[in-house]
Amino acid sequence: MTLSELAERTRFAIYTRLAADGALPPREELARQLDVTPQDYDAALTELAQTRNVVLKDGEVEMAHPFATRSFGFSVMGARTLWWGGCAWDSFAIPNLVPDSPEVLVATTCPACGTAHAWTVTNQGPPEGSQVAHFLTPADRIWPDAAHACENQLIFCSEGCVEDWLARTGNDRGYVMSLETLWRLAAHWYEGRLDTPYVRREPVAAADYFRSVGLHGPFWGLPEQEESR
């Protein structure tokens, strides 16, 4: 869906500010930067939320994937900027998206046992590690509650920790992938978000992308087949 001119300018301002600083200034400052009234800025935010370009909470930007404005359990440290990664997917995407941060330190803790984990993640290839990512929410259900979906895209020590967490929380098993597959998923998913204009992928293109990085099955809107991580 094509955005209005103001909504696209607002989207671009939000994304470039988060990429550069890891945080957003007060809404009044962004409205002044865009040379619009606070009311027009709010209307642009509403349009961006309705078109799935940002996630709002209490009228403020909570997420502009792959960036977040609060902790979702992942920190992403570059040479000059510290970001909140919205989830495992988003955290691994940042060094692939931000041109002057091709190498970052991604840190989190295992939701099952609390073990701390950190990886040097680059735009050249996946980090080493035997840990696994578990995504709870199928791709076609991420919206409208994208924040909840992101809160449950997590990295665990092992599949054993995934099973322990699922038993404790009462959740059904979602999709488990290696760090290598996670990196491939993240590497090009957000391409273009720091450019303008930006157009989101349509569902068919998204499914083609998931297939190209080695994902399988109905969880991703793809035919069922034997999975290989």
C-alpha atoms as a PDB file:
ATOM      1  CA  MET A   1       0.000   0.000   0.000  1.00  0.00           C
ATOM      2  CA  THR A   2       1.342   3.415  -1.000  1.00  0.00           C
ATOM      3  CA  LEU A   3       1.655   5.873   1.871  1.00  0.00           C
ATOM      4  CA  SER A   4       0.620   9.487   1.769  1.00  0.00           C
ATOM      5  CA  GLU A   5       3.449  11.959   1.243  1.00  0.00           C
ATOM      6  CA  LEU A   6       3.430  13.029   4.894  1.00  0.00           C
ATOM      7  CA  ALA A   7       3.267   9.496   6.225  1.00  0.00           C
ATOM      8  CA  GLU A   8       6.263   8.483   4.103  1.00  0.00           C
ATOM      9  CA  ARG A   9       8.252  11.521   5.249  1.00  0.00           C
ATOM     10  CA  THR A  10       7.348  10.669   8.835  1.00  0.00           C
ATOM     11  CA  ARG A  11       8.293   7.020   8.385  1.00  0.00           C
ATOM     12  CA  PHE A  12      11.640   7.991   6.890  1.00  0.00           C
ATOM     13  CA  ALA A  13      12.361  10.463   9.713  1.00  0.00           C
ATOM     14  CA  ILE A  14      11.539   7.869  12.375  1.00  0.00           C
ATOM     15  CA  TYR A  15      13.607   5.135  10.789  1.00  0.00           C
ATOM     16  CA  THR A  16      16.661   7.253  10.069  1.00  0.00           C
ATOM     17  CA  ARG A  17      16.609   8.722  13.595  1.00  0.00           C
ATOM     18  CA  LEU A  18      16.375   5.281  15.188  1.00  0.00           C
ATOM     19  CA  ALA A  19      19.127   3.941  12.939  1.00  0.00           C
ATOM     20  CA  ALA A  20      21.438   6.812  13.875  1.00  0.00           C
ATOM     21  CA  ASP A  21      20.640   7.243  17.567  1.00  0.00           C
ATOM     22  CA  GLY A  22      18.845   4.117  18.784  1.00  0.00           C
ATOM     23  CA  ALA A  23      16.104   6.329  20.226  1.00  0.00           C
ATOM     24  CA  LEU A  24      13.538   8.931  19.196  1.00  0.00           C
ATOM     25  CA  PRO A  25      13.313  12.549  20.368  1.00  0.00           C
ATOM     26  CA  PRO A  26      10.040  13.926  21.770  1.00  0.00           C
ATOM     27  CA  ARG A  27       7.168  13.949  19.273  1.00  0.00           C
ATOM     28  CA  GLU A  28       7.182  17.754  19.267  1.00  0.00           C
ATOM     29  CA  GLU A  29      10.755  17.753  17.965  1.00  0.00           C
ATOM     30  CA  LEU A  30       9.926  15.296  15.204  1.00  0.00           C
ATOM     31  CA  ALA A  31       6.881  17.367  14.227  1.00  0.00           C
ATOM     32  CA  ARG A  32       9.097  20.462  14.004  1.00  0.00           C
ATOM     33  CA  GLN A  33      11.655  18.540  11.956  1.00  0.00           C
ATOM     34  CA  LEU A  34       8.875  17.606   9.533  1.00  0.00           C
ATOM     35  CA  ASP A  35       7.447  21.158   9.644  1.00  0.00           C
ATOM     36  CA  VAL A  36       3.969  19.908  10.549  1.00  0.00           C
ATOM     37  CA  THR A  37       1.569  20.421  13.416  1.00  0.00           C
ATOM     38  CA  PRO A  38       1.429  17.850  16.229  1.00  0.00           C
ATOM     39  CA  GLN A  39      -2.031  16.909  14.965  1.00  0.00           C
ATOM     40  CA  ASP A  40      -0.695  16.183  11.468  1.00  0.00           C
ATOM     41  CA  TYR A  41       2.148  14.194  12.977  1.00  0.00           C
ATOM     42  CA  ASP A  42      -0.337  12.119  14.982  1.00  0.00           C
ATOM     43  CA  ALA A  43      -2.379  11.493  11.844  1.00  0.00           C
ATOM     44  CA  ALA A  44       0.746  10.322  10.023  1.00  0.00           C
ATOM     45  CA  LEU A  45       1.578   7.966  12.901  1.00  0.00           C
ATOM     46  CA  THR A  46      -1.924   6.524  12.737  1.00  0.00           C
ATOM     47  CA  GLU A  47      -1.525   5.879   9.018  1.00  0.00           C
ATOM     48  CA  LEU A  48       1.845   4.228   9.599  1.00  0.00           C
ATOM     49  CA  ALA A  49       0.378   1.967  12.268  1.00  0.00           C
ATOM     50  CA  GLN A  50      -2.604   1.030  10.118  1.00  0.00           C
ATOM     51  CA  THR A  51      -0.271   0.105   7.239  1.00  0.00           C
ATOM     52  CA  ARG A  52       2.011  -1.927   9.539  1.00  0.00           C
ATOM     53  CA  ASN A  53       5.011   0.361   9.199  1.00  0.00           C
ATOM     54  CA  VAL A  54       5.237   1.072  12.944  1.00  0.00           C
ATOM     55  CA  VAL A  55       3.771  -0.276  16.182  1.00  0.00           C
ATOM     56  CA  LEU A  56       2.250   2.288  18.517  1.00  0.00           C
ATOM     57  CA  LYS A  57       1.637   2.125  22.260  1.00  0.00           C
ATOM     58  CA  ASP A  58      -0.317   4.940  23.919  1.00  0.00           C
ATOM     59  CA  GLY A  59       0.166   7.001  20.757  1.00  0.00           C
ATOM     60  CA  GLU A  60       3.964   6.708  20.744  1.00  0.00           C
ATOM     61  CA  VAL A  61       6.221   4.606  18.528  1.00  0.00           C
ATOM     62  CA  GLU A  62       7.004   1.345  20.292  1.00  0.00           C
ATOM     63  CA  MET A  63       8.551  -0.429  17.322  1.00  0.00           C
ATOM     64  CA  ALA A  64       9.747   0.496  13.846  1.00  0.00           C
ATOM     65  CA  HIS A  65      11.127  -2.868  12.801  1.00  0.00           C
ATOM     66  CA  PRO A  66      13.915  -3.766  13.297  1.00  0.00           C
ATOM     67  CA  PHE A  67      14.217  -0.985  15.895  1.00  0.00           C
ATOM     68  CA  ALA A  68      12.390  -0.684  19.211  1.00  0.00           C
ATOM     69  CA  THR A  69      12.055   2.124  21.724  1.00  0.00           C
ATOM     70  CA  ARG A  70      11.989  -0.144  24.793  1.00  0.00           C
ATOM     71  CA  SER A  71      13.584  -3.388  25.867  1.00  0.00           C
ATOM     72  CA  PHE A  72      12.252  -6.573  24.320  1.00  0.00           C
ATOM     73  CA  GLY A  73      15.038  -8.617  25.886  1.00  0.00           C
ATOM     74  CA  PHE A  74      17.745  -7.957  23.279  1.00  0.00           C
ATOM     75  CA  SER A  75      20.459  -5.303  23.195  1.00  0.00           C
ATOM     76  CA  VAL A  76      22.412  -4.540  20.028  1.00  0.00           C
ATOM     77  CA  MET A  77      25.654  -2.623  20.533  1.00  0.00           C
ATOM     78  CA  GLY A  78      27.431  -1.030  17.599  1.00  0.00           C
ATOM     79  CA  ALA A  79      30.600   1.048  17.545  1.00  0.00           C
ATOM     80  CA  ARG A  80      28.693   4.279  18.265  1.00  0.00           C
ATOM     81  CA  THR A  81      25.064   3.327  18.900  1.00  0.00           C
ATOM     82  CA  LEU A  82      23.165   1.084  21.301  1.00  0.00           C
ATOM     83  CA  TRP A  83      19.812  -0.212  20.075  1.00  0.00           C
ATOM     84  CA  TRP A  84      16.968  -2.184  21.563  1.00  0.00           C
ATOM     85  CA  GLY A  85      16.405  -5.137  19.261  1.00  0.00           C
ATOM     86  CA  GLY A  86      12.705  -5.905  19.065  1.00  0.00           C
ATOM     87  CA  CYS A  87      13.324  -9.666  18.954  1.00  0.00           C
ATOM     88  CA  ALA A  88      15.822 -12.261  17.758  1.00  0.00           C
ATOM     89  CA  TRP A  89      14.874 -11.572  14.133  1.00  0.00           C
ATOM     90  CA  ASP A  90      15.212  -7.796  14.457  1.00  0.00           C
ATOM     91  CA  SER A  91      18.439  -7.919  16.460  1.00  0.00           C
ATOM     92  CA  PHE A  92      20.197  -9.992  13.815  1.00  0.00           C
ATOM     93  CA  ALA A  93      18.811  -7.661  11.112  1.00  0.00           C
ATOM     94  CA  ILE A  94      20.339  -4.413  12.404  1.00  0.00           C
ATOM     95  CA  PRO A  95      23.945  -4.998  11.218  1.00  0.00           C
ATOM     96  CA  ASN A  96      22.544  -6.012   7.843  1.00  0.00           C
ATOM     97  CA  LEU A  97      20.501  -2.805   7.566  1.00  0.00           C
ATOM     98  CA  VAL A  98      22.525   0.018   9.139  1.00  0.00           C
ATOM     99  CA  PRO A  99      25.397   0.862   6.747  1.00  0.00           C
ATOM    100  CA  ASP A 100      27.886   2.161   9.320  1.00  0.00           C
ATOM    101  CA  SER A 101      27.314  -0.709  11.788  1.00  0.00           C
ATOM    102  CA  PRO A 102      28.209  -3.853   9.851  1.00  0.00           C
ATOM    103  CA  GLU A 103      29.279  -5.569  13.087  1.00  0.00           C
ATOM    104  CA  VAL A 104      27.392  -5.483  16.402  1.00  0.00           C
ATOM    105  CA  LEU A 105      27.244  -7.324  19.693  1.00  0.00           C
ATOM    106  CA  VAL A 106      23.827  -8.905  20.255  1.00  0.00           C
ATOM    107  CA  ALA A 107      23.078  -9.917  23.851  1.00  0.00           C
ATOM    108  CA  THR A 108      20.138 -11.652  25.515  1.00  0.00           C
ATOM    109  CA  THR A 109      19.327 -14.307  28.115  1.00  0.00           C
ATOM    110  CA  CYS A 110      17.754 -17.724  27.705  1.00  0.00           C
ATOM    111  CA  PRO A 111      14.071 -17.415  28.722  1.00  0.00           C
ATOM    112  CA  ALA A 112      14.128 -20.904  30.209  1.00  0.00           C
ATOM    113  CA  CYS A 113      17.230 -20.949  32.403  1.00  0.00           C
ATOM    114  CA  GLY A 114      18.510 -17.372  32.414  1.00  0.00           C
ATOM    115  CA  THR A 115      21.886 -18.151  30.859  1.00  0.00           C
ATOM    116  CA  ALA A 116      23.412 -15.036  29.292  1.00  0.00           C
ATOM    117  CA  HIS A 117      24.321 -15.180  25.601  1.00  0.00           C
ATOM    118  CA  ALA A 118      26.169 -12.787  23.308  1.00  0.00           C
ATOM    119  CA  TRP A 119      27.236 -13.010  19.686  1.00  0.00           C
ATOM    120  CA  THR A 120      29.216 -10.833  17.335  1.00  0.00           C
ATOM    121  CA  VAL A 121      26.781 -10.524  14.436  1.00  0.00           C
ATOM    122  CA  THR A 122      27.977  -9.116  11.116  1.00  0.00           C
ATOM    123  CA  ASN A 123      26.572  -8.524   7.655  1.00  0.00           C
ATOM    124  CA  GLN A 124      28.987 -11.104   6.242  1.00  0.00           C
ATOM    125  CA  GLY A 125      27.588 -14.323   7.675  1.00  0.00           C
ATOM    126  CA  PRO A 126      25.964 -15.982  10.684  1.00  0.00           C
ATOM    127  CA  PRO A 127      27.680 -16.120  14.066  1.00  0.00           C
ATOM    128  CA  GLU A 128      28.872 -19.385  15.537  1.00  0.00           C
ATOM    129  CA  GLY A 129      26.718 -20.925  18.229  1.00  0.00           C
ATOM    130  CA  SER A 130      24.643 -23.990  19.028  1.00  0.00           C
ATOM    131  CA  GLN A 131      21.765 -21.975  20.450  1.00  0.00           C
ATOM    132  CA  VAL A 132      18.353 -22.020  18.746  1.00  0.00           C
ATOM    133  CA  ALA A 133      15.660 -19.435  18.099  1.00  0.00           C
ATOM    134  CA  HIS A 134      12.026 -20.234  18.817  1.00  0.00           C
ATOM    135  CA  PHE A 135       9.225 -18.195  17.253  1.00  0.00           C
ATOM    136  CA  LEU A 136       5.842 -18.655  18.915  1.00  0.00           C
ATOM    137  CA  THR A 137       3.504 -16.787  16.546  1.00  0.00           C
ATOM    138  CA  PRO A 138       2.961 -17.961  12.937  1.00  0.00           C
ATOM    139  CA  ALA A 139       3.866 -15.415  10.281  1.00  0.00           C
ATOM    140  CA  ASP A 140       0.262 -14.733   9.248  1.00  0.00           C
ATOM    141  CA  ARG A 141      -0.708 -13.922  12.860  1.00  0.00           C
ATOM    142  CA  ILE A 142       2.087 -11.490  13.731  1.00  0.00           C
ATOM    143  CA  TRP A 143      -0.267  -8.569  13.121  1.00  0.00           C
ATOM    144  CA  PRO A 144      -2.199  -6.835  14.596  1.00  0.00           C
ATOM    145  CA  ASP A 145      -0.322  -7.569  17.857  1.00  0.00           C
ATOM    146  CA  ALA A 146       3.214  -7.414  16.498  1.00  0.00           C
ATOM    147  CA  ALA A 147       4.667  -6.441  19.879  1.00  0.00           C
ATOM    148  CA  HIS A 148       3.394  -9.695  21.429  1.00  0.00           C
ATOM    149  CA  ALA A 149       4.801 -11.691  18.504  1.00  0.00           C
ATOM    150  CA  CYS A 150       8.189 -10.006  18.914  1.00  0.00           C
ATOM    151  CA  GLU A 151       8.229 -10.627  22.649  1.00  0.00           C
ATOM    152  CA  ASN A 152       8.064 -14.320  21.780  1.00  0.00           C
ATOM    153  CA  GLN A 153      10.765 -14.496  19.103  1.00  0.00           C
ATOM    154  CA  LEU A 154      13.476 -15.633  21.479  1.00  0.00           C
ATOM    155  CA  ILE A 155      16.830 -17.411  21.623  1.00  0.00           C
ATOM    156  CA  PHE A 156      17.351 -20.432  23.878  1.00  0.00           C
ATOM    157  CA  CYS A 157      20.383 -22.471  24.908  1.00  0.00           C
ATOM    158  CA  SER A 158      19.003 -25.571  23.209  1.00  0.00           C
ATOM    159  CA  GLU A 159      15.816 -27.320  22.158  1.00  0.00           C
ATOM    160  CA  GLY A 160      15.707 -28.734  25.669  1.00  0.00           C
ATOM    161  CA  CYS A 161      15.368 -25.221  27.056  1.00  0.00           C
ATOM    162  CA  VAL A 162      12.648 -24.504  24.479  1.00  0.00           C
ATOM    163  CA  GLU A 163      10.680 -27.515  25.706  1.00  0.00           C
ATOM    164  CA  ASP A 164      11.162 -26.513  29.358  1.00  0.00           C
ATOM    165  CA  TRP A 165       9.891 -23.001  28.600  1.00  0.00           C
ATOM    166  CA  LEU A 166       6.899 -24.281  26.651  1.00  0.00           C
ATOM    167  CA  ALA A 167       5.956 -26.617  29.520  1.00  0.00           C
ATOM    168  CA  ARG A 168       6.276 -23.828  32.072  1.00  0.00           C
ATOM    169  CA  THR A 169       4.349 -21.220  30.076  1.00  0.00           C
ATOM    170  CA  GLY A 170       1.704 -23.553  28.642  1.00  0.00           C
ATOM    171  CA  ASN A 171       2.460 -22.418  25.081  1.00  0.00           C
ATOM    172  CA  ASP A 172       2.383 -24.708  22.066  1.00  0.00           C
ATOM    173  CA  ARG A 173       5.586 -25.266  20.132  1.00  0.00           C
ATOM    174  CA  GLY A 174       6.077 -22.779  17.318  1.00  0.00           C
ATOM    175  CA  TYR A 175       9.061 -22.883  14.971  1.00  0.00           C
ATOM    176  CA  VAL A 176      12.637 -23.667  15.998  1.00  0.00           C
ATOM    177  CA  MET A 177      15.601 -22.640  13.860  1.00  0.00           C
ATOM    178  CA  SER A 178      19.378 -22.500  14.126  1.00  0.00           C
ATOM    179  CA  LEU A 179      21.309 -19.244  14.424  1.00  0.00           C
ATOM    180  CA  GLU A 180      22.401 -19.738  10.827  1.00  0.00           C
ATOM    181  CA  THR A 181      18.799 -19.833   9.609  1.00  0.00           C
ATOM    182  CA  LEU A 182      17.915 -16.887  11.853  1.00  0.00           C
ATOM    183  CA  TRP A 183      20.714 -14.849  10.293  1.00  0.00           C
ATOM    184  CA  ARG A 184      19.577 -15.728   6.768  1.00  0.00           C
ATOM    185  CA  LEU A 185      16.016 -14.724   7.647  1.00  0.00           C
ATOM    186  CA  ALA A 186      17.175 -11.392   9.055  1.00  0.00           C
ATOM    187  CA  ALA A 187      19.833 -10.548   6.484  1.00  0.00           C
ATOM    188  CA  HIS A 188      17.677  -9.018   3.736  1.00  0.00           C
ATOM    189  CA  TRP A 189      14.174  -8.895   5.197  1.00  0.00           C
ATOM    190  CA  TYR A 190      14.303  -5.166   5.973  1.00  0.00           C
ATOM    191  CA  GLU A 191      16.143  -4.014   2.864  1.00  0.00           C
ATOM    192  CA  GLY A 192      15.000  -0.563   1.780  1.00  0.00           C
ATOM    193  CA  ARG A 193      13.637   0.624   5.120  1.00  0.00           C
ATOM    194  CA  LEU A 194      16.296   3.316   5.352  1.00  0.00           C
ATOM    195  CA  ASP A 195      15.489   4.475   1.814  1.00  0.00           C
ATOM    196  CA  THR A 196      12.534   6.480   0.576  1.00  0.00           C
ATOM    197  CA  PRO A 197      10.004   5.718  -0.687  1.00  0.00           C
ATOM    198  CA  TYR A 198       9.658   2.274   0.866  1.00  0.00           C
ATOM    199  CA  VAL A 199       6.980  -0.269  -0.026  1.00  0.00           C
ATOM    200  CA  ARG A 200       6.313  -3.268   2.205  1.00  0.00           C
ATOM    201  CA  ARG A 201       6.437  -6.763   0.747  1.00  0.00           C
ATOM    202  CA  GLU A 202       3.151  -8.281  -0.340  1.00  0.00           C
ATOM    203  CA  PRO A 203       2.292 -11.740   1.109  1.00  0.00           C
ATOM    204  CA  VAL A 204       3.384 -13.633  -2.025  1.00  0.00           C
ATOM    205  CA  ALA A 205       6.775 -11.908  -2.022  1.00  0.00           C
ATOM    206  CA  ALA A 206       7.135 -12.570   1.713  1.00  0.00           C
ATOM    207  CA  ALA A 207       6.449 -16.283   1.196  1.00  0.00           C
ATOM    208  CA  ASP A 208       9.015 -16.394  -1.597  1.00  0.00           C
ATOM    209  CA  TYR A 209      11.564 -14.769   0.702  1.00  0.00           C
ATOM    210  CA  PHE A 210      10.866 -17.239   3.534  1.00  0.00           C
ATOM    211  CA  ARG A 211      11.314 -20.125   1.115  1.00  0.00           C
ATOM    212  CA  SER A 212      14.575 -18.667  -0.202  1.00  0.00           C
ATOM    213  CA  VAL A 213      16.185 -18.631   3.251  1.00  0.00           C
ATOM    214  CA  GLY A 214      15.288 -22.236   4.029  1.00  0.00           C
ATOM    215  CA  LEU A 215      12.085 -21.928   6.037  1.00  0.00           C
ATOM    216  CA  HIS A 216       9.334 -24.505   5.626  1.00  0.00           C
ATOM    217  CA  GLY A 217       5.767 -25.343   6.453  1.00  0.00           C
ATOM    218  CA  PRO A 218       2.436 -23.706   7.313  1.00  0.00           C
ATOM    219  CA  PHE A 219       4.038 -21.608  10.079  1.00  0.00           C
ATOM    220  CA  TRP A 220       5.506 -19.504   7.252  1.00  0.00           C
ATOM    221  CA  GLY A 221       2.605 -19.908   4.839  1.00  0.00           C
ATOM    222  CA  LEU A 222       4.526 -22.523   2.875  1.00  0.00           C
ATOM    223  CA  PRO A 223       3.792 -26.159   1.947  1.00  0.00           C
ATOM    224  CA  GLU A 224       4.583 -28.797   4.531  1.00  0.00           C
ATOM    225  CA  GLN A 225       7.829 -30.688   4.016  1.00  0.00           C
ATOM    226  CA  GLU A 226      10.641 -32.168   6.018  1.00  0.00           C
ATOM    227  CA  GLU A 227      12.428 -29.395   7.879  1.00  0.00           C
ATOM    228  CA  SER A 228      16.188 -29.023   7.845  1.00  0.00           C
ATOM    229  CA  ARG A 229      17.865 -26.417  10.004  1.00  0.00           C
END
